[in-house]
N, C-alpha and C. Protein backbone atom coordinates (compact mmCIF):
# COMPACT_ATOMS: atom_id res chain seq x y z
N MET A 1 -61.25 -26.16 97.88
CA MET A 1 -60.80 -25.19 96.89
C MET A 1 -61.94 -24.91 95.92
N THR A 2 -62.28 -23.65 95.77
CA THR A 2 -63.35 -23.26 94.87
C THR A 2 -62.78 -22.95 93.49
N ARG A 3 -63.39 -23.56 92.48
CA ARG A 3 -62.99 -23.32 91.10
C ARG A 3 -63.96 -22.34 90.47
N THR A 4 -63.48 -21.58 89.51
CA THR A 4 -64.34 -20.64 88.80
C THR A 4 -65.28 -21.42 87.88
N PRO A 5 -66.38 -20.80 87.44
CA PRO A 5 -67.27 -21.46 86.49
C PRO A 5 -66.54 -21.88 85.21
N ALA A 6 -65.61 -21.06 84.72
CA ALA A 6 -64.86 -21.41 83.51
C ALA A 6 -63.98 -22.64 83.78
N GLN A 7 -63.39 -22.74 84.97
CA GLN A 7 -62.57 -23.90 85.30
C GLN A 7 -63.43 -25.16 85.42
N LEU A 8 -64.61 -25.05 86.02
CA LEU A 8 -65.51 -26.20 86.13
C LEU A 8 -65.97 -26.66 84.76
N ALA A 9 -66.34 -25.71 83.90
CA ALA A 9 -66.78 -26.06 82.55
C ALA A 9 -65.64 -26.74 81.78
N THR A 10 -64.45 -26.22 81.91
CA THR A 10 -63.29 -26.80 81.23
C THR A 10 -63.03 -28.21 81.74
N GLN A 11 -63.07 -28.41 83.06
CA GLN A 11 -62.85 -29.74 83.62
C GLN A 11 -63.89 -30.72 83.07
N MET A 12 -65.14 -30.28 82.99
CA MET A 12 -66.21 -31.15 82.51
C MET A 12 -65.99 -31.55 81.05
N VAL A 13 -65.70 -30.59 80.18
CA VAL A 13 -65.57 -30.94 78.75
C VAL A 13 -64.29 -31.71 78.47
N GLU A 14 -63.24 -31.48 79.26
CA GLU A 14 -62.02 -32.26 79.09
C GLU A 14 -62.23 -33.72 79.48
N ALA A 15 -63.32 -34.00 80.21
CA ALA A 15 -63.65 -35.37 80.61
C ALA A 15 -64.56 -36.07 79.60
N PHE A 16 -64.97 -35.39 78.52
CA PHE A 16 -65.86 -36.03 77.55
C PHE A 16 -65.23 -37.33 77.08
N GLY A 17 -66.01 -38.39 77.16
CA GLY A 17 -65.53 -39.74 76.89
C GLY A 17 -65.51 -40.58 78.15
N LYS A 18 -65.46 -39.91 79.32
CA LYS A 18 -65.40 -40.59 80.61
C LYS A 18 -66.59 -40.16 81.48
N PRO A 19 -67.71 -40.87 81.39
CA PRO A 19 -68.94 -40.45 82.08
C PRO A 19 -68.77 -40.14 83.56
N ASP A 20 -68.05 -40.96 84.31
CA ASP A 20 -67.89 -40.72 85.74
C ASP A 20 -67.14 -39.42 86.00
N ASP A 21 -66.16 -39.10 85.17
CA ASP A 21 -65.41 -37.86 85.33
C ASP A 21 -66.24 -36.64 84.93
N ILE A 22 -67.11 -36.82 83.94
CA ILE A 22 -68.00 -35.72 83.53
C ILE A 22 -68.89 -35.33 84.69
N VAL A 23 -69.55 -36.30 85.30
CA VAL A 23 -70.53 -35.98 86.35
C VAL A 23 -69.87 -35.60 87.68
N ALA A 24 -68.56 -35.76 87.80
CA ALA A 24 -67.87 -35.42 89.05
C ALA A 24 -68.03 -33.96 89.43
N VAL A 25 -68.26 -33.08 88.45
CA VAL A 25 -68.40 -31.64 88.74
C VAL A 25 -69.86 -31.19 88.73
N LEU A 26 -70.79 -32.14 88.58
CA LEU A 26 -72.21 -31.79 88.51
C LEU A 26 -72.90 -31.92 89.86
N ALA A 27 -73.84 -31.01 90.11
CA ALA A 27 -74.69 -31.11 91.29
C ALA A 27 -75.69 -32.24 91.10
N ASP A 28 -76.22 -32.78 92.18
CA ASP A 28 -77.20 -33.87 92.08
C ASP A 28 -78.43 -33.46 91.30
N ASP A 29 -78.82 -32.18 91.39
CA ASP A 29 -80.04 -31.68 90.75
C ASP A 29 -79.77 -30.94 89.43
N VAL A 30 -78.65 -31.22 88.79
CA VAL A 30 -78.24 -30.55 87.55
C VAL A 30 -79.27 -30.74 86.44
N THR A 31 -79.38 -29.75 85.58
CA THR A 31 -80.18 -29.85 84.36
C THR A 31 -79.24 -29.65 83.17
N TRP A 32 -79.35 -30.53 82.16
CA TRP A 32 -78.50 -30.48 80.97
C TRP A 32 -79.38 -30.32 79.74
N TRP A 33 -79.13 -29.30 78.97
CA TRP A 33 -79.83 -29.07 77.71
C TRP A 33 -78.82 -29.24 76.57
N ILE A 34 -79.22 -29.94 75.51
CA ILE A 34 -78.37 -30.11 74.34
C ILE A 34 -79.18 -29.78 73.10
N THR A 35 -78.51 -29.31 72.07
CA THR A 35 -79.15 -29.03 70.79
C THR A 35 -80.14 -30.16 70.50
N PRO A 36 -81.42 -29.84 70.29
CA PRO A 36 -82.45 -30.90 70.23
C PRO A 36 -82.49 -31.69 68.93
N THR A 37 -81.39 -32.33 68.58
CA THR A 37 -81.38 -33.21 67.41
C THR A 37 -80.76 -34.55 67.72
N ILE A 38 -80.29 -34.74 68.94
CA ILE A 38 -79.72 -36.03 69.34
C ILE A 38 -80.86 -37.04 69.40
N PRO A 39 -80.68 -38.25 68.89
CA PRO A 39 -81.76 -39.23 69.00
C PRO A 39 -82.16 -39.42 70.46
N PRO A 40 -83.46 -39.32 70.78
CA PRO A 40 -83.89 -39.37 72.18
C PRO A 40 -83.57 -40.67 72.90
N GLU A 41 -83.39 -41.78 72.13
CA GLU A 41 -83.02 -43.02 72.82
C GLU A 41 -81.59 -42.97 73.34
N ILE A 42 -80.79 -42.03 72.86
CA ILE A 42 -79.44 -41.83 73.38
C ILE A 42 -79.45 -40.76 74.46
N MET A 43 -80.11 -39.63 74.16
CA MET A 43 -80.13 -38.52 75.13
C MET A 43 -81.28 -37.58 74.80
N GLN A 44 -82.10 -37.30 75.79
CA GLN A 44 -83.18 -36.33 75.62
C GLN A 44 -82.59 -34.93 75.48
N SER A 45 -83.33 -34.03 74.87
CA SER A 45 -82.86 -32.65 74.73
C SER A 45 -82.67 -31.99 76.09
N VAL A 46 -83.52 -32.32 77.05
CA VAL A 46 -83.38 -31.80 78.41
C VAL A 46 -83.36 -32.99 79.36
N SER A 47 -82.33 -33.04 80.19
CA SER A 47 -82.19 -34.11 81.19
C SER A 47 -81.94 -33.48 82.54
N THR A 48 -82.51 -34.08 83.58
CA THR A 48 -82.34 -33.55 84.93
C THR A 48 -81.87 -34.67 85.86
N GLY A 49 -80.87 -34.34 86.66
CA GLY A 49 -80.36 -35.27 87.66
C GLY A 49 -79.02 -35.86 87.24
N LYS A 50 -78.12 -35.90 88.19
CA LYS A 50 -76.75 -36.38 87.95
C LYS A 50 -76.73 -37.81 87.42
N GLU A 51 -77.55 -38.70 87.99
CA GLU A 51 -77.54 -40.10 87.56
C GLU A 51 -78.15 -40.28 86.18
N VAL A 52 -79.16 -39.49 85.85
CA VAL A 52 -79.74 -39.52 84.49
C VAL A 52 -78.67 -39.11 83.49
N ILE A 53 -77.94 -38.06 83.82
CA ILE A 53 -76.90 -37.57 82.91
C ILE A 53 -75.75 -38.57 82.81
N ARG A 54 -75.40 -39.24 83.90
CA ARG A 54 -74.38 -40.28 83.84
C ARG A 54 -74.82 -41.37 82.85
N GLY A 55 -76.08 -41.78 82.92
CA GLY A 55 -76.61 -42.77 81.98
C GLY A 55 -76.56 -42.28 80.54
N ASN A 56 -76.91 -41.01 80.34
CA ASN A 56 -76.83 -40.42 78.99
C ASN A 56 -75.40 -40.50 78.47
N MET A 57 -74.46 -40.08 79.28
CA MET A 57 -73.06 -40.05 78.84
C MET A 57 -72.52 -41.46 78.60
N GLN A 58 -72.99 -42.44 79.39
CA GLN A 58 -72.57 -43.82 79.15
C GLN A 58 -73.06 -44.30 77.79
N ARG A 59 -74.31 -43.93 77.42
CA ARG A 59 -74.83 -44.31 76.10
C ARG A 59 -74.10 -43.57 74.99
N VAL A 60 -73.90 -42.26 75.14
CA VAL A 60 -73.24 -41.45 74.12
C VAL A 60 -71.84 -42.00 73.84
N PHE A 61 -71.09 -42.29 74.93
CA PHE A 61 -69.69 -42.69 74.76
C PHE A 61 -69.48 -44.20 74.74
N SER A 62 -70.55 -44.94 74.47
CA SER A 62 -70.39 -46.37 74.21
C SER A 62 -71.23 -46.82 73.01
N ASN A 63 -72.42 -46.24 72.81
CA ASN A 63 -73.26 -46.61 71.68
C ASN A 63 -72.96 -45.80 70.43
N LEU A 64 -72.51 -44.57 70.58
CA LEU A 64 -72.27 -43.68 69.45
C LEU A 64 -70.78 -43.45 69.22
N TYR A 65 -70.09 -43.01 70.26
CA TYR A 65 -68.66 -42.73 70.17
C TYR A 65 -67.87 -43.72 71.02
N ASN A 66 -66.63 -43.99 70.64
CA ASN A 66 -65.72 -44.78 71.45
C ASN A 66 -65.11 -43.82 72.47
N GLY A 67 -65.61 -43.87 73.69
CA GLY A 67 -65.18 -42.94 74.73
C GLY A 67 -63.68 -42.92 74.97
N GLU A 68 -63.03 -44.06 74.77
CA GLU A 68 -61.59 -44.15 75.02
C GLU A 68 -60.77 -43.34 74.01
N THR A 69 -61.37 -42.98 72.88
CA THR A 69 -60.63 -42.25 71.85
C THR A 69 -60.87 -40.74 71.88
N MET A 70 -61.79 -40.30 72.71
CA MET A 70 -62.19 -38.89 72.66
C MET A 70 -61.12 -37.97 73.22
N GLN A 71 -60.90 -36.86 72.51
CA GLN A 71 -59.94 -35.84 72.93
C GLN A 71 -60.60 -34.48 72.81
N THR A 72 -60.38 -33.65 73.80
CA THR A 72 -60.94 -32.30 73.82
C THR A 72 -59.81 -31.30 73.66
N THR A 73 -59.99 -30.37 72.74
CA THR A 73 -59.06 -29.25 72.58
C THR A 73 -59.81 -27.98 72.91
N VAL A 74 -59.49 -27.37 74.04
CA VAL A 74 -60.17 -26.15 74.48
C VAL A 74 -59.55 -24.96 73.76
N HIS A 75 -60.42 -24.15 73.14
CA HIS A 75 -59.97 -22.95 72.42
C HIS A 75 -60.08 -21.71 73.29
N SER A 76 -61.13 -21.66 74.12
CA SER A 76 -61.30 -20.51 75.01
C SER A 76 -62.24 -20.88 76.13
N ALA A 77 -62.06 -20.22 77.27
CA ALA A 77 -62.94 -20.40 78.42
C ALA A 77 -63.08 -19.05 79.12
N TYR A 78 -64.32 -18.69 79.39
CA TYR A 78 -64.62 -17.40 80.02
C TYR A 78 -65.60 -17.60 81.15
N GLY A 79 -65.54 -16.72 82.12
CA GLY A 79 -66.50 -16.76 83.21
C GLY A 79 -66.80 -15.38 83.73
N GLU A 80 -68.02 -15.25 84.23
CA GLU A 80 -68.44 -14.02 84.89
C GLU A 80 -69.50 -14.39 85.91
N GLY A 81 -69.27 -13.97 87.15
CA GLY A 81 -70.22 -14.33 88.20
C GLY A 81 -70.28 -15.85 88.34
N ASN A 82 -71.49 -16.41 88.28
CA ASN A 82 -71.63 -17.86 88.41
C ASN A 82 -71.85 -18.54 87.05
N LEU A 83 -71.45 -17.88 85.95
CA LEU A 83 -71.61 -18.42 84.61
C LEU A 83 -70.25 -18.65 83.96
N GLY A 84 -70.14 -19.73 83.21
CA GLY A 84 -68.90 -20.03 82.49
C GLY A 84 -69.22 -20.55 81.10
N THR A 85 -68.33 -20.28 80.17
CA THR A 85 -68.49 -20.74 78.78
C THR A 85 -67.15 -21.26 78.28
N VAL A 86 -67.20 -22.37 77.57
CA VAL A 86 -66.00 -22.94 76.98
C VAL A 86 -66.31 -23.34 75.54
N ARG A 87 -65.39 -22.98 74.64
CA ARG A 87 -65.50 -23.37 73.22
C ARG A 87 -64.38 -24.36 72.97
N PHE A 88 -64.72 -25.49 72.33
CA PHE A 88 -63.73 -26.55 72.16
C PHE A 88 -64.04 -27.41 70.95
N THR A 89 -63.05 -28.20 70.56
CA THR A 89 -63.21 -29.22 69.53
C THR A 89 -63.16 -30.57 70.22
N LEU A 90 -64.12 -31.42 69.90
CA LEU A 90 -64.12 -32.79 70.38
C LEU A 90 -63.81 -33.68 69.20
N SER A 91 -62.83 -34.56 69.36
CA SER A 91 -62.47 -35.47 68.27
C SER A 91 -62.24 -36.86 68.83
N GLY A 92 -62.33 -37.82 67.95
CA GLY A 92 -62.13 -39.21 68.34
C GLY A 92 -62.71 -40.12 67.27
N GLU A 93 -63.29 -41.22 67.71
CA GLU A 93 -63.83 -42.20 66.78
C GLU A 93 -65.25 -42.61 67.18
N PHE A 94 -66.03 -42.96 66.16
CA PHE A 94 -67.30 -43.62 66.40
C PHE A 94 -66.99 -45.04 66.88
N THR A 95 -68.01 -45.75 67.33
CA THR A 95 -67.80 -47.10 67.85
C THR A 95 -67.26 -48.06 66.80
N ASN A 96 -67.47 -47.75 65.53
CA ASN A 96 -66.97 -48.64 64.47
C ASN A 96 -65.61 -48.22 63.93
N GLY A 97 -64.99 -47.22 64.55
CA GLY A 97 -63.66 -46.78 64.14
C GLY A 97 -63.65 -45.59 63.20
N GLY A 98 -64.82 -45.18 62.71
CA GLY A 98 -64.88 -43.99 61.86
C GLY A 98 -64.48 -42.74 62.63
N LYS A 99 -63.88 -41.79 61.95
CA LYS A 99 -63.37 -40.58 62.60
C LYS A 99 -64.48 -39.57 62.87
N TYR A 100 -64.32 -38.82 63.97
CA TYR A 100 -65.27 -37.78 64.36
C TYR A 100 -64.51 -36.56 64.85
N ALA A 101 -64.97 -35.37 64.46
CA ALA A 101 -64.45 -34.10 64.99
C ALA A 101 -65.53 -33.05 64.81
N ASN A 102 -65.77 -32.25 65.84
CA ASN A 102 -66.80 -31.23 65.76
C ASN A 102 -66.50 -30.12 66.77
N GLU A 103 -67.01 -28.95 66.45
CA GLU A 103 -66.89 -27.79 67.33
C GLU A 103 -68.07 -27.75 68.29
N TYR A 104 -67.80 -27.38 69.52
CA TYR A 104 -68.83 -27.27 70.55
C TYR A 104 -68.68 -25.96 71.31
N CYS A 105 -69.77 -25.56 71.93
CA CYS A 105 -69.75 -24.49 72.91
C CYS A 105 -70.63 -24.96 74.06
N VAL A 106 -70.10 -24.92 75.27
CA VAL A 106 -70.85 -25.31 76.45
C VAL A 106 -70.87 -24.12 77.41
N CYS A 107 -72.07 -23.82 77.87
CA CYS A 107 -72.25 -22.77 78.87
C CYS A 107 -72.75 -23.45 80.15
N VAL A 108 -72.29 -22.97 81.28
CA VAL A 108 -72.71 -23.55 82.56
C VAL A 108 -73.11 -22.47 83.54
N GLU A 109 -73.94 -22.88 84.48
CA GLU A 109 -74.26 -22.07 85.65
C GLU A 109 -73.82 -22.87 86.86
N THR A 110 -73.18 -22.23 87.81
CA THR A 110 -72.65 -22.95 88.97
C THR A 110 -73.30 -22.49 90.26
N ARG A 111 -73.19 -23.36 91.24
CA ARG A 111 -73.58 -23.06 92.62
C ARG A 111 -72.44 -23.59 93.46
N GLY A 112 -71.67 -22.67 94.04
CA GLY A 112 -70.49 -23.10 94.78
C GLY A 112 -69.50 -23.75 93.84
N ASP A 113 -69.12 -24.97 94.15
CA ASP A 113 -68.10 -25.69 93.39
C ASP A 113 -68.73 -26.80 92.52
N GLU A 114 -70.00 -26.59 92.12
CA GLU A 114 -70.70 -27.57 91.29
C GLU A 114 -71.43 -26.88 90.15
N ILE A 115 -71.62 -27.61 89.07
CA ILE A 115 -72.40 -27.12 87.94
C ILE A 115 -73.85 -27.53 88.15
N ILE A 116 -74.76 -26.54 88.02
CA ILE A 116 -76.18 -26.84 88.21
C ILE A 116 -76.97 -26.79 86.90
N LYS A 117 -76.42 -26.13 85.88
CA LYS A 117 -77.07 -26.09 84.57
C LYS A 117 -76.00 -26.15 83.48
N VAL A 118 -76.32 -26.91 82.42
CA VAL A 118 -75.43 -27.04 81.27
C VAL A 118 -76.25 -26.78 80.01
N TRP A 119 -75.71 -25.95 79.12
CA TRP A 119 -76.28 -25.74 77.79
C TRP A 119 -75.20 -26.14 76.79
N GLU A 120 -75.44 -27.21 76.04
CA GLU A 120 -74.46 -27.75 75.11
C GLU A 120 -74.91 -27.48 73.68
N TYR A 121 -74.10 -26.72 72.96
CA TYR A 121 -74.39 -26.37 71.57
C TYR A 121 -73.39 -27.09 70.66
N VAL A 122 -73.93 -27.81 69.67
CA VAL A 122 -73.08 -28.57 68.75
C VAL A 122 -73.73 -28.51 67.37
N ASP A 123 -72.91 -28.56 66.35
CA ASP A 123 -73.41 -28.64 64.98
C ASP A 123 -73.85 -30.07 64.75
N ALA A 124 -75.11 -30.35 65.08
CA ALA A 124 -75.62 -31.72 65.01
C ALA A 124 -75.67 -32.23 63.57
N ALA A 125 -75.95 -31.37 62.62
CA ALA A 125 -75.98 -31.81 61.22
C ALA A 125 -74.61 -32.32 60.80
N HIS A 126 -73.56 -31.62 61.21
CA HIS A 126 -72.20 -32.06 60.90
C HIS A 126 -71.91 -33.42 61.54
N ALA A 127 -72.37 -33.61 62.77
CA ALA A 127 -72.17 -34.89 63.46
C ALA A 127 -72.89 -36.02 62.73
N VAL A 128 -74.13 -35.78 62.30
CA VAL A 128 -74.91 -36.80 61.60
C VAL A 128 -74.24 -37.16 60.27
N ILE A 129 -73.77 -36.15 59.54
CA ILE A 129 -73.09 -36.41 58.26
C ILE A 129 -71.86 -37.28 58.47
N GLN A 130 -71.08 -36.98 59.52
CA GLN A 130 -69.89 -37.78 59.80
C GLN A 130 -70.26 -39.21 60.20
N ALA A 131 -71.31 -39.34 61.01
CA ALA A 131 -71.74 -40.68 61.43
C ALA A 131 -72.19 -41.50 60.23
N GLN A 132 -72.98 -40.89 59.36
CA GLN A 132 -73.46 -41.59 58.17
C GLN A 132 -72.29 -41.97 57.25
N ALA A 133 -71.32 -41.09 57.11
CA ALA A 133 -70.14 -41.39 56.30
C ALA A 133 -69.36 -42.56 56.90
N ALA A 134 -69.42 -42.71 58.22
CA ALA A 134 -68.73 -43.81 58.89
C ALA A 134 -69.55 -45.09 58.91
N GLY A 135 -70.77 -45.00 58.35
CA GLY A 135 -71.62 -46.19 58.29
C GLY A 135 -72.49 -46.40 59.50
N ILE A 136 -72.68 -45.35 60.30
CA ILE A 136 -73.53 -45.43 61.49
C ILE A 136 -74.85 -44.74 61.15
N GLU A 137 -75.96 -45.45 61.35
CA GLU A 137 -77.28 -44.87 61.08
C GLU A 137 -77.75 -44.08 62.28
N ILE A 138 -77.99 -42.81 62.07
CA ILE A 138 -78.54 -41.94 63.11
C ILE A 138 -79.75 -41.24 62.52
N THR A 139 -80.85 -41.31 63.24
CA THR A 139 -82.03 -40.55 62.85
C THR A 139 -82.17 -39.44 63.88
N PRO A 140 -81.90 -38.19 63.50
CA PRO A 140 -81.98 -37.09 64.44
C PRO A 140 -83.39 -36.95 65.00
N ALA A 141 -83.47 -36.47 66.24
CA ALA A 141 -84.77 -36.21 66.86
C ALA A 141 -85.59 -35.29 65.95
N GLY A 142 -86.84 -35.60 65.79
CA GLY A 142 -87.72 -34.78 64.97
C GLY A 142 -87.71 -35.15 63.51
N ALA A 143 -86.80 -36.03 63.07
CA ALA A 143 -86.75 -36.42 61.66
C ALA A 143 -87.81 -37.51 61.41
N PRO A 144 -88.34 -37.55 60.19
CA PRO A 144 -89.36 -38.56 59.88
C PRO A 144 -88.76 -39.97 59.85
C-alpha cells in the first residue's frame, strides 16, 4: 500500500518519542536537516543514513526529552507530488520531569513509500528557554 507524502510525514511525526517507529518510514539513505541550533553532541544539523538518524533520535528522546511522555498534535498535513508538509505541536516532558511544548513544521521528500529527505523547523530558542526553566543546561550549537 502506497501512502502519500503527507501521510508518511504524519506517521513519522506521530512517532516522535519512539526512535524505531520514527525510522520505520525512512529510506536507508535518508538525509535529515534540523534548525541548526541543536547541540551537536545530541544531533548534527545535517544527518545522513537511517541508522545515524536512529541514534540521533535515541539521544534526543532519552538525553533531552522523556520519549515515553511525548505527544504529537497534528494541525495540518499537505502534500503535492513527492513532497509533504505537516505542522504540529510536540509536548511532553524533559528527562527531569519539566514540561515541554513547541510548534514544529516538518517537510519531507519521498521516493515510493519511504521518506528520503526531512527538513525539521522548530523554534529552538523557545525549546532552550523551556529546558533552562526546567533546570536542564543546553548550549545551542554556535553559542559561545
